[in-house]
Amino acid sequence: MPNDKPAFSTIQEVRKRRHAEVSAESAAKRKGRNAPRRDDVARIALFVTLTQYRGSNHDTARALIRKALMSLLTDAGYCPEEAGAVFDAMVQRVGSDLDSYFMKRGIGREIRNSWRARNGLDQILSAAEEE
């Protein structure tokens, strides 16, 4: 009795192709509306969190933020020491990371400097610093 069903790998390939088509259509519509992706919102939320952490004069608030993030990362299976090291490094470079993200979005130096000024970070003074 011959098997008339397509091979499982063929079905997977059809699904992958259809998923890619739907994703491309969705991305094109989003770009047409100039709407942020979920990753864009998450990145900005991360910058806000890190900036608030970095700028806080309240040790209790800083400890609460760090503890919550470390707890979630540890629960997700990450090494606590490594998670802490990554977090600490991200706090130190939050300004340059956001500058890089803004540059990729084509946002000019004036707006980036305005953001930096509001958050107590040094201004970008030369084009050389942008590269």
C-alpha atoms as a PDB file:
ATOM      1  CA  MET A   1       0.000   0.000   0.000  1.00  0.00           C
ATOM      2  CA  PRO A   2       1.840   3.137  -1.207  1.00  0.00           C
ATOM      3  CA  ASN A   3       2.016   6.226   0.973  1.00  0.00           C
ATOM      4  CA  ASP A   4       0.501   9.208  -0.908  1.00  0.00           C
ATOM      5  CA  LYS A   5       1.327  11.729   1.839  1.00  0.00           C
ATOM      6  CA  PRO A   6       4.154  14.196   1.184  1.00  0.00           C
ATOM      7  CA  ALA A   7       7.363  13.673   3.130  1.00  0.00           C
ATOM      8  CA  PHE A   8       7.502  15.409   6.506  1.00  0.00           C
ATOM      9  CA  SER A   9      10.457  17.509   5.360  1.00  0.00           C
ATOM     10  CA  THR A  10       8.392  18.748   2.403  1.00  0.00           C
ATOM     11  CA  ILE A  11       5.640  19.869   4.764  1.00  0.00           C
ATOM     12  CA  GLN A  12       8.206  21.659   6.937  1.00  0.00           C
ATOM     13  CA  GLU A  13       9.650  23.452   3.914  1.00  0.00           C
ATOM     14  CA  VAL A  14       6.193  24.624   2.822  1.00  0.00           C
ATOM     15  CA  ARG A  15       5.501  25.915   6.343  1.00  0.00           C
ATOM     16  CA  LYS A  16       8.849  27.708   6.507  1.00  0.00           C
ATOM     17  CA  ARG A  17       8.278  29.321   3.109  1.00  0.00           C
ATOM     18  CA  ARG A  18       4.763  30.456   4.043  1.00  0.00           C
ATOM     19  CA  HIS A  19       5.979  31.781   7.392  1.00  0.00           C
ATOM     20  CA  ALA A  20       8.727  33.764   5.646  1.00  0.00           C
ATOM     21  CA  GLU A  21       6.180  35.232   3.213  1.00  0.00           C
ATOM     22  CA  VAL A  22       3.779  36.239   5.989  1.00  0.00           C
ATOM     23  CA  SER A  23       6.644  37.706   8.050  1.00  0.00           C
ATOM     24  CA  ALA A  24       7.901  39.720   5.082  1.00  0.00           C
ATOM     25  CA  GLU A  25       4.386  41.073   4.415  1.00  0.00           C
ATOM     26  CA  SER A  26       3.980  42.007   8.071  1.00  0.00           C
ATOM     27  CA  ALA A  27       7.391  43.729   8.181  1.00  0.00           C
ATOM     28  CA  ALA A  28       6.596  45.706   5.027  1.00  0.00           C
ATOM     29  CA  LYS A  29       3.267  46.897   6.477  1.00  0.00           C
ATOM     30  CA  ARG A  30       4.938  47.860   9.771  1.00  0.00           C
ATOM     31  CA  LYS A  31       7.663  49.784   7.942  1.00  0.00           C
ATOM     32  CA  GLY A  32       5.023  51.535   5.855  1.00  0.00           C
ATOM     33  CA  ARG A  33       3.360  52.745   9.051  1.00  0.00           C
ATOM     34  CA  ASN A  34       6.759  53.523  10.615  1.00  0.00           C
ATOM     35  CA  ALA A  35       5.727  51.396  13.588  1.00  0.00           C
ATOM     36  CA  PRO A  36       8.306  50.017  16.023  1.00  0.00           C
ATOM     37  CA  ARG A  37       8.909  46.304  16.319  1.00  0.00           C
ATOM     38  CA  ARG A  38       8.591  44.527  19.627  1.00  0.00           C
ATOM     39  CA  ASP A  39      12.406  44.489  19.772  1.00  0.00           C
ATOM     40  CA  ASP A  40      12.493  48.285  19.374  1.00  0.00           C
ATOM     41  CA  VAL A  41      10.124  48.775  22.306  1.00  0.00           C
ATOM     42  CA  ALA A  42      12.092  46.275  24.395  1.00  0.00           C
ATOM     43  CA  ARG A  43      15.403  47.995  23.567  1.00  0.00           C
ATOM     44  CA  ILE A  44      14.069  51.404  24.622  1.00  0.00           C
ATOM     45  CA  ALA A  45      12.589  49.894  27.803  1.00  0.00           C
ATOM     46  CA  LEU A  46      16.012  48.422  28.570  1.00  0.00           C
ATOM     47  CA  PHE A  47      17.695  51.797  28.026  1.00  0.00           C
ATOM     48  CA  VAL A  48      15.160  53.499  30.306  1.00  0.00           C
ATOM     49  CA  THR A  49      15.712  50.889  33.014  1.00  0.00           C
ATOM     50  CA  LEU A  50      19.505  51.071  32.779  1.00  0.00           C
ATOM     51  CA  THR A  51      19.476  54.873  32.695  1.00  0.00           C
ATOM     52  CA  GLN A  52      17.231  55.059  35.752  1.00  0.00           C
ATOM     53  CA  TYR A  53      19.453  52.547  37.526  1.00  0.00           C
ATOM     54  CA  ARG A  54      22.609  54.446  36.605  1.00  0.00           C
ATOM     55  CA  GLY A  55      21.205  57.838  37.555  1.00  0.00           C
ATOM     56  CA  SER A  56      19.504  56.869  40.790  1.00  0.00           C
ATOM     57  CA  ASN A  57      20.888  58.266  44.028  1.00  0.00           C
ATOM     58  CA  HIS A  58      18.784  55.819  46.005  1.00  0.00           C
ATOM     59  CA  ASP A  59      20.707  52.674  46.857  1.00  0.00           C
ATOM     60  CA  THR A  60      17.476  50.913  47.800  1.00  0.00           C
ATOM     61  CA  ALA A  61      15.945  51.523  44.368  1.00  0.00           C
ATOM     62  CA  ARG A  62      19.139  50.426  42.634  1.00  0.00           C
ATOM     63  CA  ALA A  63      19.289  47.261  44.735  1.00  0.00           C
ATOM     64  CA  LEU A  64      15.644  46.482  43.955  1.00  0.00           C
ATOM     65  CA  ILE A  65      16.133  46.843  40.181  1.00  0.00           C
ATOM     66  CA  ARG A  66      19.321  44.779  40.173  1.00  0.00           C
ATOM     67  CA  LYS A  67      17.848  42.075  42.415  1.00  0.00           C
ATOM     68  CA  ALA A  68      14.730  41.741  40.258  1.00  0.00           C
ATOM     69  CA  LEU A  69      16.730  41.468  37.025  1.00  0.00           C
ATOM     70  CA  MET A  70      19.268  39.045  38.495  1.00  0.00           C
ATOM     71  CA  SER A  71      16.471  36.904  39.929  1.00  0.00           C
ATOM     72  CA  LEU A  72      14.717  36.660  36.558  1.00  0.00           C
ATOM     73  CA  LEU A  73      17.965  35.873  34.728  1.00  0.00           C
ATOM     74  CA  THR A  74      18.881  33.228  37.301  1.00  0.00           C
ATOM     75  CA  ASP A  75      15.387  31.721  37.046  1.00  0.00           C
ATOM     76  CA  ALA A  76      15.927  31.569  33.275  1.00  0.00           C
ATOM     77  CA  GLY A  77      18.984  29.402  33.930  1.00  0.00           C
ATOM     78  CA  TYR A  78      21.834  31.916  33.662  1.00  0.00           C
ATOM     79  CA  CYS A  79      24.839  31.918  35.976  1.00  0.00           C
ATOM     80  CA  PRO A  80      24.262  34.640  38.617  1.00  0.00           C
ATOM     81  CA  GLU A  81      27.852  35.902  38.469  1.00  0.00           C
ATOM     82  CA  GLU A  82      27.831  36.115  34.670  1.00  0.00           C
ATOM     83  CA  ALA A  83      24.409  37.787  34.642  1.00  0.00           C
ATOM     84  CA  GLY A  84      25.674  40.360  37.129  1.00  0.00           C
ATOM     85  CA  ALA A  85      28.803  41.038  35.079  1.00  0.00           C
ATOM     86  CA  VAL A  86      26.776  41.512  31.888  1.00  0.00           C
ATOM     87  CA  PHE A  87      24.320  43.835  33.663  1.00  0.00           C
ATOM     88  CA  ASP A  88      27.109  45.930  35.201  1.00  0.00           C
ATOM     89  CA  ALA A  89      28.817  46.294  31.808  1.00  0.00           C
ATOM     90  CA  MET A  90      25.537  47.318  30.165  1.00  0.00           C
ATOM     91  CA  VAL A  91      24.932  50.001  32.804  1.00  0.00           C
ATOM     92  CA  GLN A  92      28.325  51.533  32.041  1.00  0.00           C
ATOM     93  CA  ARG A  93      27.765  51.705  28.281  1.00  0.00           C
ATOM     94  CA  VAL A  94      24.058  52.585  28.166  1.00  0.00           C
ATOM     95  CA  GLY A  95      24.753  55.956  26.512  1.00  0.00           C
ATOM     96  CA  SER A  96      26.942  54.626  23.714  1.00  0.00           C
ATOM     97  CA  ASP A  97      24.600  51.682  23.128  1.00  0.00           C
ATOM     98  CA  LEU A  98      21.623  54.011  22.725  1.00  0.00           C
ATOM     99  CA  ASP A  99      23.676  56.306  20.479  1.00  0.00           C
ATOM    100  CA  SER A 100      24.457  53.329  18.272  1.00  0.00           C
ATOM    101  CA  TYR A 101      20.789  52.312  18.132  1.00  0.00           C
ATOM    102  CA  PHE A 102      19.707  55.887  17.321  1.00  0.00           C
ATOM    103  CA  MET A 103      22.369  56.145  14.611  1.00  0.00           C
ATOM    104  CA  LYS A 104      21.069  52.957  12.971  1.00  0.00           C
ATOM    105  CA  ARG A 105      17.633  54.589  12.931  1.00  0.00           C
ATOM    106  CA  GLY A 106      19.104  57.719  11.284  1.00  0.00           C
ATOM    107  CA  ILE A 107      18.554  59.993  14.281  1.00  0.00           C
ATOM    108  CA  GLY A 108      20.841  63.041  14.237  1.00  0.00           C
ATOM    109  CA  ARG A 109      23.456  64.175  16.725  1.00  0.00           C
ATOM    110  CA  GLU A 110      21.255  67.010  18.050  1.00  0.00           C
ATOM    111  CA  ILE A 111      18.548  64.639  19.229  1.00  0.00           C
ATOM    112  CA  ARG A 112      21.080  62.171  20.587  1.00  0.00           C
ATOM    113  CA  ASN A 113      22.822  64.971  22.508  1.00  0.00           C
ATOM    114  CA  SER A 114      19.477  66.171  23.851  1.00  0.00           C
ATOM    115  CA  TRP A 115      18.787  62.672  25.154  1.00  0.00           C
ATOM    116  CA  ARG A 116      22.283  62.470  26.645  1.00  0.00           C
ATOM    117  CA  ALA A 117      21.883  65.864  28.364  1.00  0.00           C
ATOM    118  CA  ARG A 118      18.548  64.827  29.912  1.00  0.00           C
ATOM    119  CA  ASN A 119      20.198  61.718  31.299  1.00  0.00           C
ATOM    120  CA  GLY A 120      23.438  63.199  32.605  1.00  0.00           C
ATOM    121  CA  LEU A 121      25.731  61.760  29.937  1.00  0.00           C
ATOM    122  CA  ASP A 122      28.539  63.564  28.102  1.00  0.00           C
ATOM    123  CA  GLN A 123      27.705  65.219  24.766  1.00  0.00           C
ATOM    124  CA  ILE A 124      28.877  63.867  21.414  1.00  0.00           C
ATOM    125  CA  LEU A 125      31.307  66.510  20.216  1.00  0.00           C
ATOM    126  CA  SER A 126      32.711  65.281  16.918  1.00  0.00           C
ATOM    127  CA  ALA A 127      31.771  63.163  13.934  1.00  0.00           C
ATOM    128  CA  ALA A 128      34.716  60.878  14.776  1.00  0.00           C
ATOM    129  CA  GLU A 129      32.921  59.802  17.953  1.00  0.00           C
ATOM    130  CA  GLU A 130      29.962  58.617  15.897  1.00  0.00           C
ATOM    131  CA  GLU A 131      31.862  55.953  14.027  1.00  0.00           C
END
